[in-house]
Amino acid sequence: MTYTIGDRKITLDNELSPSDMQLVLAHSKLFKYCLNNATYKFLINLKKLVHLYTDIVTIYATLLGKIPNYEDITRMTRNTRANISNLETDFNSIFGETIHGSLSKKFNWEEKNYEHTVKDMTLLILDSSLESFELIIKNLNCIDIFFNNFDNLKKLLIPYLLSQTKSIHKSLHKAHYLYKLTTITDDIASLKELTPPIIKQLKKIEKITSGIERESIILETAFMTFDPSLQSYTSILLGKAILKRSVDDRDCQIIKRREVCFQAAEHVVSIPLTEDQSSSLSMKQLAKYFSYVAIVVVGLLSVMLYRLLNVLIGRSDNA
């Protein structure tokens, strides 16, 4: 990383001159500011994803509620929805109910103690988030298997959602590892000199900061990929296909689209299950195959019976 201090640019990868060392010591809080700021952006991106997945699981749970005789997967999805909704509530209580958060304006986030405040809180959030996304992955696996067996349910699936969710879960695990590392972030301000061991610790903080920024970008990319997709899903499937009307773009936005989902559910008494055409085709081909086999078997039996009769008749004539 390159740190800009006034008109100077400093990187820890290069050997620091005495003047660079003095400049770093004079602005040593910069390392904590960068790490805390990276953490804040990471948590805000995670918060947006939690809102997004609460939308997704709400839609799936509502649709499954209209499919009769499949209580197991319906109950599982409702439990998953309750779990992610609780996590969403926790995020709102910490960061406020706006999509992008407002904690930095209220609590001087960058100034907070990293090891005992920012890191501890982030680890608690990550523990809950990992639990929620593990449930979501299990739930999506079941939904994918179930929906793919029926033509009309296939259309309700959000493409590539399961693979993307696994990537998010992996990213959260990497972030969790980074936040488990111990640093001297809160002690930098009291340093008097930059010895080689201290510089090594500063590089460790830098790597953690870069790692958090990288995982934050992964979360942001996932949101930017699936939020527009879910807007189209709400507009086309829930709006035009089910409600038979156009839905205002504002009502297709994150969180607001849940209301469109509930309105669509009121218009659907139940969702009938249509067997997969490919499965039906396979069954037809299988039935045709058995028909051919039966004809051949009957033919062979007829020939054998004919020959047997000839033999018996021939013996009777000879007698």
Protein backbone atom coordinates (compact mmCIF):
# COMPACT_ATOMS: atom_id res chain seq x y z
CA MET A 1 0.00 0.00 0.00
CA THR A 2 1.04 3.58 -0.59
CA TYR A 3 0.33 6.11 2.14
CA THR A 4 -0.02 9.76 1.22
CA ILE A 5 0.97 12.17 3.97
CA GLY A 6 0.83 15.75 2.81
CA ASP A 7 2.82 15.85 -0.42
CA ARG A 8 4.80 12.73 0.47
CA LYS A 9 4.06 9.15 -0.64
CA ILE A 10 5.43 6.39 1.58
CA THR A 11 5.42 2.62 1.15
CA LEU A 12 6.65 0.11 3.72
CA ASP A 13 8.02 -2.15 1.00
CA ASN A 14 10.88 0.29 0.44
CA GLU A 15 13.56 1.05 2.99
CA LEU A 16 12.39 4.02 5.03
CA SER A 17 14.68 7.02 5.29
CA PRO A 18 15.08 8.75 8.68
CA SER A 19 12.76 11.54 7.50
CA ASP A 20 10.17 8.96 6.35
CA MET A 21 10.33 7.30 9.76
CA GLN A 22 9.75 10.58 11.52
CA LEU A 23 6.82 11.32 9.23
CA VAL A 24 5.27 7.88 9.91
CA LEU A 25 5.70 8.32 13.67
CA ALA A 26 4.12 11.76 13.51
CA HIS A 27 1.09 10.32 11.67
CA SER A 28 1.08 6.81 13.13
CA LYS A 29 -2.71 6.81 13.61
CA LEU A 30 -2.98 6.57 9.82
CA PHE A 31 -2.63 2.78 10.04
CA LYS A 32 -5.55 2.50 12.45
CA TYR A 33 -7.65 4.92 10.39
CA CYS A 34 -7.08 2.86 7.22
CA LEU A 35 -7.87 -0.45 8.94
CA ASN A 36 -10.96 0.87 10.71
CA ASN A 37 -12.18 2.53 7.52
CA ALA A 38 -11.67 -0.71 5.54
CA THR A 39 -13.63 -2.56 8.24
CA TYR A 40 -16.47 -0.06 8.09
CA LYS A 41 -16.77 -0.37 4.30
CA PHE A 42 -16.62 -4.17 4.59
CA LEU A 43 -19.44 -4.23 7.14
CA ILE A 44 -21.59 -1.84 5.09
CA ASN A 45 -21.15 -4.08 2.01
CA LEU A 46 -22.06 -7.08 4.15
CA LYS A 47 -25.11 -5.22 5.48
CA LYS A 48 -26.31 -4.57 1.93
CA LEU A 49 -25.91 -8.26 1.10
CA VAL A 50 -27.90 -9.22 4.19
CA HIS A 51 -30.74 -6.95 2.98
CA LEU A 52 -30.47 -8.54 -0.47
CA TYR A 53 -30.58 -12.11 0.83
CA THR A 54 -33.46 -11.28 3.15
CA ASP A 55 -35.31 -10.19 -0.01
CA ILE A 56 -34.36 -13.40 -1.81
CA VAL A 57 -35.27 -15.79 0.99
CA THR A 58 -38.51 -13.86 1.62
CA ILE A 59 -39.48 -14.33 -2.03
CA TYR A 60 -38.62 -18.04 -2.02
CA ALA A 61 -40.42 -18.63 1.29
CA THR A 62 -43.53 -16.84 0.00
CA LEU A 63 -43.58 -18.82 -3.25
CA LEU A 64 -43.01 -22.13 -1.47
CA GLY A 65 -45.94 -21.33 0.80
CA LYS A 66 -48.13 -21.60 -2.31
CA ILE A 67 -46.93 -25.11 -3.21
CA PRO A 68 -49.00 -27.79 -1.44
CA ASN A 69 -47.67 -30.98 0.14
CA TYR A 70 -44.04 -29.87 0.52
CA GLU A 71 -43.98 -28.71 4.13
CA ASP A 72 -40.40 -29.83 4.86
CA ILE A 73 -38.69 -27.47 2.40
CA THR A 74 -41.25 -24.74 3.11
CA ARG A 75 -40.53 -24.94 6.84
CA MET A 76 -36.79 -24.97 6.19
CA THR A 77 -37.02 -21.82 4.06
CA ARG A 78 -39.16 -20.04 6.65
CA ASN A 79 -36.58 -20.86 9.33
CA THR A 80 -33.81 -19.56 7.07
CA ARG A 81 -35.81 -16.40 6.49
CA ALA A 82 -36.27 -15.90 10.26
CA ASN A 83 -32.52 -16.31 10.77
CA ILE A 84 -31.45 -13.82 8.07
CA SER A 85 -34.19 -11.39 9.19
CA ASN A 86 -32.78 -11.44 12.73
CA LEU A 87 -29.33 -10.70 11.33
CA GLU A 88 -30.79 -7.83 9.32
CA THR A 89 -32.34 -6.43 12.51
CA ASP A 90 -28.97 -6.64 14.27
CA PHE A 91 -27.29 -4.75 11.44
CA ASN A 92 -29.99 -2.07 11.56
CA SER A 93 -29.58 -1.65 15.31
CA ILE A 94 -25.84 -1.06 14.86
CA PHE A 95 -25.65 0.91 11.62
CA GLY A 96 -29.14 2.35 11.27
CA GLU A 97 -31.85 1.35 8.82
CA THR A 98 -30.44 3.15 5.78
CA ILE A 99 -28.97 0.92 3.10
CA HIS A 100 -25.51 2.49 3.18
CA GLY A 101 -25.25 2.95 6.94
CA SER A 102 -24.54 6.07 8.99
CA LEU A 103 -22.33 4.90 11.84
CA SER A 104 -19.28 6.92 10.76
CA LYS A 105 -21.25 10.15 11.12
CA LYS A 106 -22.45 9.27 14.62
CA PHE A 107 -19.57 7.61 16.41
CA ASN A 108 -16.22 8.70 14.88
CA TRP A 109 -15.66 5.17 13.62
CA GLU A 110 -12.03 5.71 12.55
CA GLU A 111 -11.02 6.80 16.05
CA LYS A 112 -12.39 3.71 17.78
CA ASN A 113 -10.15 1.19 19.51
CA TYR A 114 -9.48 -1.53 16.96
CA GLU A 115 -8.56 -4.59 19.03
CA HIS A 116 -11.23 -4.34 21.73
CA THR A 117 -14.05 -2.54 19.94
CA VAL A 118 -13.98 -2.68 16.14
CA LYS A 119 -12.45 -6.14 15.82
CA ASP A 120 -14.54 -7.74 18.58
CA MET A 121 -17.77 -6.35 17.16
CA THR A 122 -16.81 -7.40 13.61
CA LEU A 123 -16.03 -10.97 14.73
CA LEU A 124 -19.42 -11.22 16.43
CA ILE A 125 -21.13 -10.01 13.26
CA LEU A 126 -19.09 -12.41 11.12
CA ASP A 127 -19.94 -15.37 13.36
CA SER A 128 -23.65 -14.65 12.94
CA SER A 129 -23.25 -13.98 9.22
CA LEU A 130 -21.35 -17.23 8.61
CA GLU A 131 -24.09 -19.16 10.42
CA SER A 132 -26.78 -17.46 8.33
CA PHE A 133 -25.03 -18.04 5.01
CA GLU A 134 -24.40 -21.69 5.88
CA LEU A 135 -28.15 -22.08 6.37
CA ILE A 136 -28.84 -20.20 3.14
CA ILE A 137 -26.49 -22.48 1.16
CA LYS A 138 -28.17 -25.62 2.53
CA ASN A 139 -31.57 -24.09 1.79
CA LEU A 140 -30.64 -23.05 -1.76
CA ASN A 141 -29.27 -26.54 -2.45
CA CYS A 142 -32.65 -28.04 -1.53
CA ILE A 143 -34.59 -25.39 -3.49
CA ASP A 144 -32.42 -25.93 -6.60
CA ILE A 145 -32.99 -29.69 -6.52
CA PHE A 146 -36.73 -29.27 -5.89
CA PHE A 147 -37.40 -26.51 -8.43
CA ASN A 148 -35.34 -28.15 -11.18
CA ASN A 149 -37.71 -31.15 -11.19
CA PHE A 150 -40.61 -29.03 -12.46
CA ASP A 151 -40.82 -26.84 -15.55
CA ASN A 152 -42.82 -24.02 -14.00
CA LEU A 153 -40.67 -23.90 -10.85
CA LYS A 154 -37.43 -23.71 -12.85
CA LYS A 155 -38.51 -20.27 -14.01
CA LEU A 156 -38.64 -19.08 -10.38
CA LEU A 157 -34.94 -19.78 -9.76
CA ILE A 158 -32.46 -16.89 -9.65
CA PRO A 159 -29.62 -17.94 -12.00
CA TYR A 160 -26.17 -18.68 -10.49
CA LEU A 161 -27.36 -17.70 -7.01
CA LEU A 162 -26.07 -20.82 -5.27
CA SER A 163 -22.52 -20.60 -6.69
CA GLN A 164 -22.34 -16.89 -5.88
CA THR A 165 -23.57 -17.53 -2.33
CA LYS A 166 -20.80 -20.09 -1.83
CA SER A 167 -18.26 -17.47 -2.97
CA ILE A 168 -19.65 -14.99 -0.45
CA HIS A 169 -19.46 -17.60 2.31
CA LYS A 170 -15.82 -18.30 1.37
CA SER A 171 -15.05 -14.57 1.43
CA LEU A 172 -16.57 -14.24 4.92
CA HIS A 173 -14.37 -17.08 6.13
CA LYS A 174 -11.26 -15.30 4.80
CA ALA A 175 -12.29 -12.07 6.50
CA HIS A 176 -12.94 -13.96 9.74
CA TYR A 177 -9.39 -15.32 9.62
CA LEU A 178 -7.95 -11.83 9.11
CA TYR A 179 -9.89 -10.40 12.06
CA LYS A 180 -8.64 -13.19 14.32
CA LEU A 181 -5.07 -11.92 13.90
CA THR A 182 -3.64 -9.83 16.74
CA THR A 183 -2.05 -6.47 15.88
CA ILE A 184 -0.41 -3.47 17.56
CA THR A 185 -2.88 -1.13 15.86
CA ASP A 186 -3.94 0.62 19.09
CA ASP A 187 -0.36 1.01 20.37
CA ILE A 188 1.13 2.70 17.31
CA ALA A 189 0.44 6.20 18.62
CA SER A 190 2.75 5.62 21.61
CA LEU A 191 5.71 4.39 19.56
CA LYS A 192 8.94 6.35 19.80
CA GLU A 193 10.91 4.68 17.02
CA LEU A 194 10.43 2.30 14.12
CA THR A 195 12.55 -0.76 14.77
CA PRO A 196 12.60 -3.71 12.31
CA PRO A 197 10.12 -5.73 14.49
CA ILE A 198 7.77 -2.71 14.62
CA ILE A 199 7.98 -2.23 10.85
CA LYS A 200 7.15 -5.95 10.48
CA GLN A 201 4.04 -5.39 12.64
CA LEU A 202 3.06 -2.39 10.52
CA LYS A 203 3.35 -4.52 7.40
CA LYS A 204 1.09 -7.08 9.09
CA ILE A 205 -1.54 -4.37 9.67
CA GLU A 206 -1.13 -3.32 6.06
CA LYS A 207 -1.73 -6.89 4.82
CA ILE A 208 -4.82 -7.22 6.99
CA THR A 209 -6.13 -3.90 5.65
CA SER A 210 -5.47 -4.95 2.03
CA GLY A 211 -7.11 -8.32 2.66
CA ILE A 212 -10.24 -6.74 4.14
CA GLU A 213 -10.45 -4.33 1.21
CA ARG A 214 -10.20 -7.28 -1.20
CA GLU A 215 -12.99 -9.23 0.52
CA SER A 216 -15.06 -6.05 0.68
CA ILE A 217 -14.82 -5.71 -3.10
CA ILE A 218 -16.00 -9.31 -3.50
CA LEU A 219 -19.08 -8.55 -1.38
CA GLU A 220 -19.76 -5.34 -3.27
CA THR A 221 -19.42 -7.12 -6.63
CA ALA A 222 -21.87 -9.82 -5.51
CA PHE A 223 -24.39 -7.15 -4.54
CA MET A 224 -23.93 -5.23 -7.81
CA THR A 225 -24.45 -8.49 -9.73
CA PHE A 226 -27.61 -9.75 -8.06
CA ASP A 227 -29.42 -6.56 -7.07
CA PRO A 228 -30.22 -5.59 -10.71
CA SER A 229 -31.12 -9.24 -11.40
CA LEU A 230 -33.58 -9.21 -8.51
CA GLN A 231 -35.04 -5.91 -9.71
CA SER A 232 -35.80 -7.54 -13.07
CA TYR A 233 -37.10 -10.65 -11.29
CA THR A 234 -39.51 -8.47 -9.28
CA SER A 235 -40.63 -6.45 -12.29
CA ILE A 236 -41.08 -9.30 -14.78
CA LEU A 237 -41.97 -12.38 -12.74
CA LEU A 238 -43.78 -10.94 -9.74
CA GLY A 239 -45.17 -7.93 -11.56
CA LYS A 240 -46.06 -8.72 -15.16
CA ALA A 241 -46.36 -12.52 -14.87
CA ILE A 242 -48.26 -12.79 -11.57
CA LEU A 243 -49.78 -9.37 -10.81
CA LYS A 244 -50.42 -8.76 -14.54
CA ARG A 245 -49.28 -5.14 -14.25
CA SER A 246 -46.17 -3.01 -14.45
CA VAL A 247 -44.43 -2.36 -11.16
CA ASP A 248 -42.80 1.01 -10.54
CA ASP A 249 -39.00 0.80 -10.61
CA ARG A 250 -38.86 2.28 -7.09
CA ASP A 251 -40.93 -0.62 -5.77
CA CYS A 252 -38.47 -3.10 -7.28
CA GLN A 253 -35.59 -1.73 -5.21
CA ILE A 254 -33.95 -3.51 -2.28
CA ILE A 255 -36.26 -4.14 0.72
CA LYS A 256 -39.24 -2.44 -1.00
CA ARG A 257 -39.68 -5.41 -3.35
CA ARG A 258 -40.79 -7.59 -0.46
CA GLU A 259 -44.12 -5.77 -0.53
CA VAL A 260 -44.47 -6.61 -4.25
CA CYS A 261 -43.79 -10.24 -3.33
CA PHE A 262 -46.54 -10.22 -0.71
CA GLN A 263 -48.96 -8.61 -3.19
CA ALA A 264 -48.13 -11.29 -5.76
CA ALA A 265 -48.75 -14.00 -3.17
CA GLU A 266 -52.26 -12.65 -2.58
CA HIS A 267 -53.03 -13.22 -6.28
CA VAL A 268 -51.90 -16.86 -6.26
CA VAL A 269 -54.05 -19.50 -4.58
CA SER A 270 -51.53 -22.29 -5.22
CA ILE A 271 -48.71 -23.16 -7.61
CA PRO A 272 -49.38 -26.44 -9.44
CA LEU A 273 -46.43 -28.67 -10.19
CA THR A 274 -45.74 -29.42 -13.84
CA GLU A 275 -43.44 -32.37 -14.49
CA ASP A 276 -40.20 -31.68 -16.29
CA GLN A 277 -40.70 -32.06 -20.04
CA SER A 278 -37.36 -33.78 -20.40
CA SER A 279 -38.40 -36.26 -17.70
CA SER A 280 -41.73 -36.78 -19.47
CA LEU A 281 -39.88 -37.30 -22.74
CA SER A 282 -37.60 -39.84 -21.13
CA MET A 283 -40.60 -41.70 -19.75
CA LYS A 284 -42.22 -41.74 -23.20
CA GLN A 285 -39.03 -43.07 -24.74
CA LEU A 286 -38.80 -45.69 -22.00
CA ALA A 287 -42.43 -46.73 -22.54
CA LYS A 288 -41.81 -47.00 -26.30
CA TYR A 289 -38.72 -49.11 -25.62
CA PHE A 290 -40.70 -51.49 -23.39
CA SER A 291 -43.39 -51.70 -26.10
CA TYR A 292 -40.80 -52.76 -28.67
CA VAL A 293 -39.36 -55.32 -26.25
CA ALA A 294 -42.84 -56.68 -25.55
CA ILE A 295 -43.57 -57.01 -29.28
CA VAL A 296 -40.29 -58.83 -29.86
CA VAL A 297 -40.92 -61.16 -26.92
CA VAL A 298 -44.45 -61.90 -28.13
CA GLY A 299 -43.09 -62.54 -31.61
CA LEU A 300 -40.46 -64.96 -30.31
CA LEU A 301 -43.01 -66.77 -28.18
CA SER A 302 -45.32 -67.06 -31.21
CA VAL A 303 -42.53 -68.54 -33.32
CA MET A 304 -41.56 -70.95 -30.56
CA LEU A 305 -45.20 -71.95 -30.05
CA TYR A 306 -45.67 -72.40 -33.82
CA ARG A 307 -42.63 -74.64 -34.07
CA LEU A 308 -43.69 -76.59 -30.99
CA LEU A 309 -47.14 -77.16 -32.49
CA ASN A 310 -45.58 -78.28 -35.77
CA VAL A 311 -43.41 -80.75 -33.94
CA LEU A 312 -46.38 -82.10 -31.98
CA ILE A 313 -48.60 -82.30 -35.08
CA GLY A 314 -45.79 -83.95 -37.02
CA ARG A 315 -45.37 -86.61 -34.33
CA SER A 316 -49.16 -87.22 -34.31
CA ASP A 317 -49.19 -87.75 -38.10
CA ASN A 318 -46.27 -90.17 -37.88
CA ALA A 319 -48.05 -92.10 -35.17
